[in-house]
Protein backbone atom coordinates (compact mmCIF):
# COMPACT_ATOMS: atom_id res chain seq x y z
CA MET A 1 62.21 -24.51 99.61
CA ASN A 2 60.25 -27.41 100.70
CA GLY A 3 58.55 -29.75 98.29
CA ALA A 4 57.30 -31.85 100.87
CA MET A 5 53.48 -32.26 101.63
CA SER A 6 52.47 -30.56 104.94
CA GLU A 7 49.83 -28.35 106.62
CA GLN A 8 52.30 -25.41 106.23
CA ARG A 9 52.32 -23.41 103.08
CA MET A 10 54.41 -25.26 100.50
CA SER A 11 56.68 -24.37 97.81
CA GLY A 12 59.20 -26.22 95.68
CA VAL A 13 59.71 -28.15 92.34
CA PHE A 14 57.27 -30.76 91.39
CA PHE A 15 57.09 -32.84 88.26
CA GLN A 16 54.69 -34.79 85.91
CA LYS A 17 55.42 -37.66 83.55
CA VAL A 18 54.35 -36.79 79.99
CA GLN A 19 54.04 -39.42 77.38
CA SER A 20 54.12 -38.86 73.66
CA SER A 21 54.49 -40.96 70.45
CA ILE A 22 57.30 -40.74 67.93
CA GLY A 23 56.69 -42.07 64.43
CA THR A 24 53.79 -43.80 62.73
CA GLY A 25 52.63 -47.40 62.13
CA THR A 26 55.03 -50.18 62.85
CA THR A 27 57.87 -47.65 63.74
CA ALA A 28 55.75 -45.74 66.30
CA ARG A 29 57.16 -45.91 69.79
CA LYS A 30 56.09 -44.06 72.96
CA THR A 31 58.54 -41.94 74.85
CA GLU A 32 58.24 -40.54 78.33
CA LYS A 33 59.76 -37.38 79.81
CA TYR A 34 59.53 -35.42 82.99
CA VAL A 35 58.24 -31.83 82.86
CA TYR A 36 59.10 -29.77 86.07
CA PHE A 37 57.07 -26.84 87.60
CA PHE A 38 57.76 -24.51 90.42
CA VAL A 39 54.97 -24.56 92.73
CA GLN A 40 54.17 -21.99 95.60
CA GLU A 41 51.20 -21.84 97.85
CA ARG A 42 49.60 -18.52 97.79
CA ASP A 43 46.83 -18.90 100.34
CA ALA A 44 44.70 -21.74 101.80
CA ASP A 45 44.19 -24.38 99.18
CA THR A 46 45.46 -22.17 96.23
CA LEU A 47 48.74 -22.71 94.64
CA GLU A 48 50.40 -21.09 91.80
CA LEU A 49 52.35 -23.26 89.32
CA GLN A 50 54.80 -22.22 86.55
CA THR A 51 57.04 -24.35 84.21
CA LEU A 52 60.75 -24.68 85.05
CA ALA A 53 63.31 -24.81 82.27
CA PRO A 54 66.48 -26.92 82.53
CA ASP A 55 68.43 -23.72 83.25
CA ASN A 56 66.23 -23.12 86.29
CA THR A 57 64.36 -20.22 84.81
CA LEU A 58 60.64 -19.95 84.86
CA PHE A 59 58.56 -19.58 81.63
CA GLY A 60 55.01 -19.58 80.37
CA GLU A 61 51.83 -18.49 82.00
CA ARG A 62 51.30 -19.01 85.72
CA LYS A 63 48.43 -21.36 86.51
CA THR A 64 46.35 -21.72 89.74
CA ILE A 65 45.71 -25.13 91.01
CA SER A 66 44.30 -26.55 94.22
CA ARG A 67 46.20 -28.57 96.80
CA ASP A 68 44.22 -31.70 95.69
CA GLU A 69 45.05 -31.16 91.99
CA LEU A 70 48.65 -31.06 92.96
CA LEU A 71 48.41 -34.17 95.09
CA GLU A 72 46.77 -36.13 92.29
CA GLY A 73 48.70 -34.94 89.27
CA TYR A 74 52.29 -34.01 90.46
CA LEU A 75 55.11 -35.52 92.39
CA PRO A 76 57.84 -33.49 94.52
CA GLU A 77 61.41 -33.39 93.39
CA PRO A 78 63.59 -32.52 96.33
CA GLN A 79 66.91 -32.46 94.57
CA LYS A 80 65.69 -29.92 91.92
CA SER A 81 63.96 -27.93 94.73
CA LEU A 82 67.40 -27.39 96.33
CA GLU A 83 68.93 -26.51 93.11
CA PHE A 84 66.21 -23.95 92.27
CA ALA A 85 66.51 -22.50 95.85
CA ARG A 86 70.21 -21.86 95.20
CA HIS A 87 69.25 -20.31 91.80
CA LEU A 88 66.78 -18.14 93.42
CA ALA A 89 69.24 -16.92 96.20
CA SER A 90 71.85 -16.00 93.42
CA GLN A 91 69.30 -14.28 91.42
CA GLN A 92 68.07 -12.29 94.52
CA GLN A 93 71.68 -10.99 95.14
CA GLU A 94 71.85 -9.62 91.70
CA VAL A 95 68.48 -7.93 92.11
CA GLN A 96 69.49 -6.35 95.15
CA LYS A 97 72.68 -5.11 93.68
CA ALA A 98 70.83 -3.55 90.68
CA VAL A 99 68.21 -1.93 92.95
CA ALA A 100 71.01 -0.51 95.13
CA ARG A 101 72.83 0.87 92.09
CA GLY A 102 69.43 2.36 90.81
CA ASP A 103 68.90 3.98 94.30
CA LYS A 104 72.30 5.60 94.22
CA PHE A 105 71.79 6.99 90.73
CA TYR A 106 68.23 8.28 91.61
CA LYS A 107 69.51 10.07 94.54
CA ARG A 108 72.04 11.82 92.37
CA GLY A 109 69.32 12.83 90.01
CA GLN A 110 70.72 10.65 87.27
CA THR A 111 67.20 9.17 86.43
CA TYR A 112 68.21 7.44 83.12
CA SER A 113 70.92 5.49 84.80
CA ALA A 114 68.70 4.68 87.72
CA GLU A 115 65.96 3.46 85.34
CA TYR A 116 68.48 1.25 83.53
CA GLU A 117 69.43 -0.43 86.85
CA TYR A 118 65.90 -0.74 88.02
CA GLY A 119 64.95 -2.43 84.65
CA LYS A 120 67.64 -4.88 85.02
CA ALA A 121 66.20 -5.72 88.43
CA LEU A 122 62.73 -6.09 87.00
CA GLU A 123 64.01 -8.53 84.13
CA LEU A 124 65.04 -10.90 87.03
CA GLU A 125 62.02 -10.13 89.33
CA GLU A 126 59.11 -8.36 87.68
CA GLU A 127 57.32 -7.96 91.08
CA ASN A 128 60.20 -6.46 92.90
CA VAL A 129 58.57 -3.69 94.95
CA ARG A 130 61.66 -1.45 95.26
CA ALA A 131 62.56 -1.67 91.66
CA ASN A 132 58.87 -0.80 90.63
CA PHE A 133 58.84 2.22 93.01
CA GLY A 134 62.11 3.30 91.77
CA ILE A 135 61.45 3.22 88.09
CA GLY A 136 58.06 4.86 88.65
CA LEU A 137 59.86 7.68 90.56
CA CYS A 138 62.17 8.20 87.66
CA TYR A 139 59.37 8.60 85.23
CA ILE A 140 57.46 11.11 87.49
CA ALA A 141 60.76 13.04 87.97
CA ARG A 142 61.03 13.38 83.99
CA GLY A 143 57.35 14.23 83.66
CA GLU A 144 56.84 11.00 81.70
CA LYS A 145 53.23 10.54 83.01
CA ASP A 146 52.00 7.84 80.63
CA LYS A 147 54.92 5.53 81.68
CA ALA A 148 54.29 6.44 85.40
CA ARG A 149 50.63 5.46 84.94
CA LEU A 150 51.73 1.93 83.72
CA VAL A 151 54.02 1.64 86.84
CA PHE A 152 51.10 2.89 88.99
CA GLU A 153 48.81 0.23 87.70
CA ARG A 154 51.29 -2.47 88.42
CA LEU A 155 51.89 -1.20 91.94
CA VAL A 156 48.21 -1.05 92.97
CA GLU A 157 48.06 -4.69 92.24
CA LEU A 158 51.03 -5.55 94.45
CA GLU A 159 49.86 -5.98 98.09
CA ALA A 160 53.34 -6.08 99.21
CA ALA A 161 53.88 -2.51 97.90
CA PHE A 162 51.93 -1.27 100.92
CA SER A 163 53.60 -3.15 103.55
CA ASP A 164 55.46 -1.51 106.56
CA GLU A 165 58.69 -2.79 105.02
CA HIS A 166 58.16 -0.22 101.81
CA LYS A 167 56.49 2.48 103.67
CA HIS A 168 59.06 5.19 102.99
CA LEU A 169 58.94 4.27 99.24
CA PHE A 170 55.19 4.13 99.32
CA ASN A 171 54.87 7.55 100.84
CA GLU A 172 57.37 9.09 98.36
CA PHE A 173 55.62 7.67 95.43
CA GLY A 174 52.22 8.84 96.61
CA ILE A 175 53.65 12.35 97.21
CA SER A 176 55.26 12.37 93.85
CA LEU A 177 52.08 11.47 92.07
CA ARG A 178 50.29 14.31 93.77
CA LYS A 179 52.93 16.89 93.30
CA ALA A 180 53.09 15.94 89.55
CA GLY A 181 49.38 16.66 89.13
CA MET A 182 48.38 13.05 88.77
CA HIS A 183 45.64 13.58 91.37
CA ALA A 184 43.36 10.76 90.07
CA GLU A 185 46.18 8.35 90.37
CA ALA A 186 47.16 9.67 93.73
CA LEU A 187 43.57 9.24 95.00
CA SER A 188 43.24 5.59 93.74
CA TYR A 189 46.74 4.76 95.14
CA TYR A 190 45.82 6.02 98.66
CA ALA A 191 42.29 4.37 98.36
CA ARG A 192 44.06 1.04 97.71
CA ALA A 193 46.33 1.65 100.79
CA VAL A 194 43.54 2.69 103.06
CA ALA A 195 41.51 -0.38 102.19
CA LEU A 196 44.69 -2.54 103.20
CA ALA A 197 45.55 -0.50 106.29
CA PRO A 198 42.34 1.29 107.58
CA ARG A 199 43.79 2.08 110.98
CA ASP A 200 46.79 4.09 109.64
CA GLU A 201 45.95 7.73 110.39
CA ASN A 202 48.74 9.11 108.04
CA LEU A 203 47.16 7.16 105.13
CA HIS A 204 43.87 8.85 105.93
CA HIS A 205 45.58 12.38 106.12
CA ASN A 206 47.27 11.63 102.73
CA MET A 207 44.08 10.41 101.19
CA ALA A 208 42.40 13.84 102.43
CA ARG A 209 45.06 15.83 100.58
CA ALA A 210 44.67 13.88 97.35
CA ALA A 211 40.91 14.01 97.52
CA PHE A 212 41.01 17.94 98.24
CA GLU A 213 43.37 18.40 95.43
CA MET A 214 40.78 16.58 93.13
CA GLY A 215 38.12 19.00 94.39
CA GLN A 216 36.43 16.45 96.55
CA ALA A 217 36.32 18.46 99.81
CA ASP A 218 33.62 16.19 101.41
CA LEU A 219 35.75 13.05 100.90
CA ALA A 220 38.75 15.06 102.23
CA ALA A 221 36.76 15.99 105.36
CA GLN A 222 35.74 12.34 105.86
CA HIS A 223 39.21 11.15 105.84
CA LEU A 224 40.47 13.97 108.12
CA ALA A 225 37.65 12.89 110.63
CA ASP A 226 38.95 9.22 110.32
CA CYS A 227 42.55 10.45 110.79
CA LEU A 228 41.55 12.35 114.02
CA LYS A 229 39.45 9.56 115.31
CA LEU A 230 42.56 7.36 115.21
CA ASN A 231 44.91 9.98 116.52
CA PRO A 232 43.09 13.18 117.89
CA GLU A 233 46.43 15.08 118.10
CA HIS A 234 47.57 14.50 114.59
CA PRO A 235 48.93 18.11 113.89
CA GLU A 236 48.78 18.17 110.17
CA ALA A 237 45.18 16.90 110.10
CA ARG A 238 44.14 19.46 112.77
CA GLN A 239 45.58 22.22 110.68
CA PHE A 240 43.98 20.92 107.51
CA VAL A 241 40.46 20.80 109.35
CA GLU A 242 41.05 24.50 110.41
CA TYR A 243 41.90 25.28 106.77
CA LEU A 244 38.71 23.69 105.53
CA LYS A 245 36.75 25.49 107.91
CA ARG A 246 38.11 28.88 106.84
CA LYS A 247 37.53 27.90 103.25
CA GLN A 248 33.85 27.13 103.97
CA GLN A 249 33.40 30.35 105.83
CA ALA A 250 34.93 32.31 102.93
CA TRP A 251 32.59 30.44 100.42
CA GLY A 252 29.68 30.80 102.92
């Protein structure tokens, strides 16, 4: 954590002095208190701010401000930045333990126990990618499609969900959506992924499968062509193209 100003991305605890009046008339007096915020720079000149409670928990709505607004209205608090960094590190350990327990239960087919552990992780870190994937997979495994759709809607908003770090989870979730008959969700899911990583041939292949199962053969053929343009030797894509050709001949 670093509350200091620099050209690098900043994060840390900042504060504002807030004045208020107590009493009325001759007994009125002014008081001053500090209100603390955790600030994190998201991209160039865009920062996210959220109120920090005395116990180092975040609460209230997240607010977006500019770097200039931060400079004009807030002051850094290095000591609290260090305290909050320690708090986050401890919290992250608890999140990782809960996710690991969830993974263990999920692999055993104990989806209710897994859901409970993933839920504990999400209480501490609502955007934790592994926990979101895990709880979504539990819902799909139990056929709870409405709950799975809610998780799907969260995941497509999380850019980190489509990173290389989470690729195995990403693929498992997409395949599970498709196998569960949630074809529209699978198609949207892969469309989001392709938009973020257009040069990943496997994503184009997965998109082709989802599109075909939605009855969109033309879209499937387009993504197969994109896949083979990136990797002409992609075996599954080549087989899929031959299958589509045979289907066309049968229909023709």
